[in-house]
C-alpha atoms as a PDB file:
ATOM      1  CA  UNK A   1     126.832-198.185-172.420  1.00  0.00           C
ATOM      2  CA  UNK A   2     128.224-200.725-170.039  1.00  0.00           C
ATOM      3  CA  UNK A   3     129.404-204.197-170.972  1.00  0.00           C
ATOM      4  CA  UNK A   4     129.082-207.014-168.450  1.00  0.00           C
ATOM      5  CA  UNK A   5     131.001-210.280-168.466  1.00  0.00           C
ATOM      6  CA  UNK A   6     130.198-213.067-166.026  1.00  0.00           C
ATOM      7  CA  UNK A   7     132.537-215.852-164.993  1.00  0.00           C
ATOM      8  CA  UNK A   8     132.880-218.511-162.335  1.00  0.00           C
ATOM      9  CA  UNK A   9     130.179-220.934-163.409  1.00  0.00           C
ATOM     10  CA  UNK A  10     131.062-224.599-163.098  1.00  0.00           C
ATOM     11  CA  UNK A  11     129.829-228.108-162.417  1.00  0.00           C
ATOM     12  CA  UNK A  12     129.679-228.751-158.674  1.00  0.00           C
ATOM     13  CA  UNK A  13     128.191-231.348-156.375  1.00  0.00           C
ATOM     14  CA  UNK A  14     125.214-230.599-154.185  1.00  0.00           C
ATOM     15  CA  UNK A  15     126.332-228.882-151.010  1.00  0.00           C
ATOM     16  CA  UNK A  16     129.258-227.223-152.746  1.00  0.00           C
ATOM     17  CA  UNK A  17     130.070-223.569-153.260  1.00  0.00           C
ATOM     18  CA  UNK A  18     130.836-221.249-156.150  1.00  0.00           C
ATOM     19  CA  UNK A  19     131.640-217.587-156.530  1.00  0.00           C
ATOM     20  CA  UNK A  20     130.409-215.840-159.633  1.00  0.00           C
ATOM     21  CA  UNK A  21     131.996-212.617-160.812  1.00  0.00           C
ATOM     22  CA  UNK A  22     130.666-209.932-163.123  1.00  0.00           C
ATOM     23  CA  UNK A  23     133.197-207.498-164.509  1.00  0.00           C
ATOM     24  CA  UNK A  24     131.944-204.302-166.092  1.00  0.00           C
ATOM     25  CA  UNK A  25     133.607-202.148-168.714  1.00  0.00           C
ATOM     26  CA  UNK A  26     132.651-198.976-170.485  1.00  0.00           C
ATOM     27  CA  UNK A  27     131.321-197.194-167.415  1.00  0.00           C
ATOM     28  CA  UNK A  28     131.790-197.441-163.704  1.00  0.00           C
ATOM     29  CA  UNK A  29     129.284-199.695-161.987  1.00  0.00           C
ATOM     30  CA  UNK A  30     128.953-197.187-159.167  1.00  0.00           C
ATOM     31  CA  UNK A  31     126.364-195.566-161.431  1.00  0.00           C
ATOM     32  CA  UNK A  32     124.186-198.682-161.436  1.00  0.00           C
ATOM     33  CA  UNK A  33     122.079-200.896-159.266  1.00  0.00           C
ATOM     34  CA  UNK A  34     123.294-204.416-159.946  1.00  0.00           C
ATOM     35  CA  UNK A  35     121.458-207.697-159.968  1.00  0.00           C
ATOM     36  CA  UNK A  36     121.936-211.398-160.525  1.00  0.00           C
ATOM     37  CA  UNK A  37     119.292-213.426-162.325  1.00  0.00           C
ATOM     38  CA  UNK A  38     119.131-217.029-163.461  1.00  0.00           C
ATOM     39  CA  UNK A  39     117.298-219.004-166.086  1.00  0.00           C
ATOM     40  CA  UNK A  40     116.851-222.749-166.147  1.00  0.00           C
ATOM     41  CA  UNK A  41     115.818-224.603-169.320  1.00  0.00           C
ATOM     42  CA  UNK A  42     112.148-224.126-170.047  1.00  0.00           C
ATOM     43  CA  UNK A  43     111.701-221.571-167.287  1.00  0.00           C
ATOM     44  CA  UNK A  44     111.494-217.801-167.140  1.00  0.00           C
ATOM     45  CA  UNK A  45     114.400-215.703-166.020  1.00  0.00           C
ATOM     46  CA  UNK A  46     114.160-215.144-162.276  1.00  0.00           C
ATOM     47  CA  UNK A  47     115.677-212.723-159.813  1.00  0.00           C
ATOM     48  CA  UNK A  48     118.336-214.089-157.484  1.00  0.00           C
ATOM     49  CA  UNK A  49     119.898-211.116-155.719  1.00  0.00           C
ATOM     50  CA  UNK A  50     120.435-207.385-156.105  1.00  0.00           C
ATOM     51  CA  UNK A  51     122.521-204.635-154.570  1.00  0.00           C
ATOM     52  CA  UNK A  52     122.244-200.862-154.552  1.00  0.00           C
ATOM     53  CA  UNK A  53     124.919-198.517-155.822  1.00  0.00           C
ATOM     54  CA  UNK A  54     126.706-198.116-152.516  1.00  0.00           C
ATOM     55  CA  UNK A  55     126.161-201.707-151.460  1.00  0.00           C
ATOM     56  CA  UNK A  56     124.143-200.508-148.498  1.00  0.00           C
ATOM     57  CA  UNK A  57     121.074-202.513-149.417  1.00  0.00           C
ATOM     58  CA  UNK A  58     120.878-206.066-150.685  1.00  0.00           C
ATOM     59  CA  UNK A  59     117.819-208.010-151.771  1.00  0.00           C
ATOM     60  CA  UNK A  60     117.445-211.750-152.198  1.00  0.00           C
ATOM     61  CA  UNK A  61     114.958-214.173-153.641  1.00  0.00           C
ATOM     62  CA  UNK A  62     113.557-216.520-151.004  1.00  0.00           C
ATOM     63  CA  UNK A  63     115.418-219.372-152.671  1.00  0.00           C
ATOM     64  CA  UNK A  64     118.723-217.543-152.176  1.00  0.00           C
ATOM     65  CA  UNK A  65     118.331-216.217-148.645  1.00  0.00           C
ATOM     66  CA  UNK A  66     120.832-217.657-146.217  1.00  0.00           C
ATOM     67  CA  UNK A  67     122.817-219.394-148.965  1.00  0.00           C
ATOM     68  CA  UNK A  68     123.854-216.680-151.428  1.00  0.00           C
ATOM     69  CA  UNK A  69     125.595-213.367-150.825  1.00  0.00           C
ATOM     70  CA  UNK A  70     125.815-210.528-153.331  1.00  0.00           C
ATOM     71  CA  UNK A  71     128.581-207.968-153.007  1.00  0.00           C
ATOM     72  CA  UNK A  72     130.265-205.338-155.114  1.00  0.00           C
ATOM     73  CA  UNK A  73     133.665-203.730-155.396  1.00  0.00           C
ATOM     74  CA  UNK A  74     133.144-200.479-157.235  1.00  0.00           C
ATOM     75  CA  UNK A  75     136.890-199.850-157.374  1.00  0.00           C
ATOM     76  CA  UNK A  76     137.293-203.089-159.335  1.00  0.00           C
ATOM     77  CA  UNK A  77     134.087-202.539-161.304  1.00  0.00           C
ATOM     78  CA  UNK A  78     133.009-206.009-160.229  1.00  0.00           C
ATOM     79  CA  UNK A  79     129.964-207.604-158.662  1.00  0.00           C
ATOM     80  CA  UNK A  80     130.076-211.004-156.990  1.00  0.00           C
ATOM     81  CA  UNK A  81     127.617-213.710-156.094  1.00  0.00           C
ATOM     82  CA  UNK A  82     128.894-216.119-153.458  1.00  0.00           C
ATOM     83  CA  UNK A  83     126.809-219.268-153.496  1.00  0.00           C
ATOM     84  CA  UNK A  84     126.973-221.996-150.877  1.00  0.00           C
ATOM     85  CA  UNK A  85     124.962-225.097-149.972  1.00  0.00           C
ATOM     86  CA  UNK A  86     124.145-225.450-153.645  1.00  0.00           C
ATOM     87  CA  UNK A  87     121.214-227.618-154.680  1.00  0.00           C
ATOM     88  CA  UNK A  88     120.401-229.297-158.000  1.00  0.00           C
ATOM     89  CA  UNK A  89     117.546-226.812-158.408  1.00  0.00           C
ATOM     90  CA  UNK A  90     120.118-224.007-158.531  1.00  0.00           C
ATOM     91  CA  UNK A  91     121.211-225.318-161.930  1.00  0.00           C
ATOM     92  CA  UNK A  92     120.767-222.524-164.462  1.00  0.00           C
ATOM     93  CA  UNK A  93     122.512-219.924-166.544  1.00  0.00           C
ATOM     94  CA  UNK A  94     123.301-217.015-164.249  1.00  0.00           C
ATOM     95  CA  UNK A  95     123.173-213.477-165.607  1.00  0.00           C
ATOM     96  CA  UNK A  96     124.499-210.213-164.277  1.00  0.00           C
ATOM     97  CA  UNK A  97     122.471-207.076-164.956  1.00  0.00           C
ATOM     98  CA  UNK A  98     122.797-203.329-164.423  1.00  0.00           C
ATOM     99  CA  UNK A  99     120.043-200.795-163.877  1.00  0.00           C
ATOM    100  CA  UNK A 100     120.356-197.032-164.174  1.00  0.00           C
ATOM    101  CA  UNK A 101     117.091-196.489-162.343  1.00  0.00           C
ATOM    102  CA  UNK A 102     116.710-194.887-158.939  1.00  0.00           C
ATOM    103  CA  UNK A 103     115.524-197.421-156.390  1.00  0.00           C
ATOM    104  CA  UNK A 104     115.613-197.792-152.634  1.00  0.00           C
ATOM    105  CA  UNK A 105     116.273-201.478-153.195  1.00  0.00           C
ATOM    106  CA  UNK A 106     117.324-203.522-156.211  1.00  0.00           C
ATOM    107  CA  UNK A 107     114.298-204.334-158.370  1.00  0.00           C
ATOM    108  CA  UNK A 108     113.308-207.947-158.924  1.00  0.00           C
ATOM    109  CA  UNK A 109     111.855-207.468-162.402  1.00  0.00           C
ATOM    110  CA  UNK A 110     114.178-208.151-165.367  1.00  0.00           C
ATOM    111  CA  UNK A 111     112.689-205.336-167.464  1.00  0.00           C
ATOM    112  CA  UNK A 112     113.937-202.803-164.902  1.00  0.00           C
ATOM    113  CA  UNK A 113     117.529-203.598-165.899  1.00  0.00           C
ATOM    114  CA  UNK A 114     119.184-201.907-168.856  1.00  0.00           C
ATOM    115  CA  UNK A 115     122.267-204.021-169.488  1.00  0.00           C
ATOM    116  CA  UNK A 116     122.910-207.745-169.358  1.00  0.00           C
ATOM    117  CA  UNK A 117     125.861-210.058-169.559  1.00  0.00           C
ATOM    118  CA  UNK A 118     125.991-213.196-171.667  1.00  0.00           C
ATOM    119  CA  UNK A 119     125.589-215.544-168.709  1.00  0.00           C
ATOM    120  CA  UNK A 120     127.613-218.278-167.041  1.00  0.00           C
ATOM    121  CA  UNK A 121     126.436-221.860-166.578  1.00  0.00           C
ATOM    122  CA  UNK A 122     126.073-223.302-163.095  1.00  0.00           C
ATOM    123  CA  UNK A 123     125.322-227.008-162.875  1.00  0.00           C
ATOM    124  CA  UNK A 124     124.759-228.724-159.544  1.00  0.00           C
ATOM    125  CA  UNK A 125     124.810-232.503-159.530  1.00  0.00           C
ATOM    126  CA  UNK A 126     122.981-234.590-156.941  1.00  0.00           C
END
């Protein structure tokens, strides 16, 4: 089992930046493909970004491309999501997730992930 704890969510103005962190405990994250998802009120949880075990491959939702960067530090057991040029539509609870599956690229489907954090709120004001 791996436990995931997200942090870094905040209230920011449009155009601002935030860095989310996801710290894992219980097992090393080098064993997992990692992903970031988000869920806005009344909407389904959606994929934001993912990264393979070594960090050699990253995948982004179209809404995140060019603005968000996912990275990982396996030595620190931490995954990051750097977000810039934030928009009000980025407002959501952001979740970190870990998958033990074998993939060439991080999957975009929530059910492919085995472990989830509790989420951190990101609010972008206009």
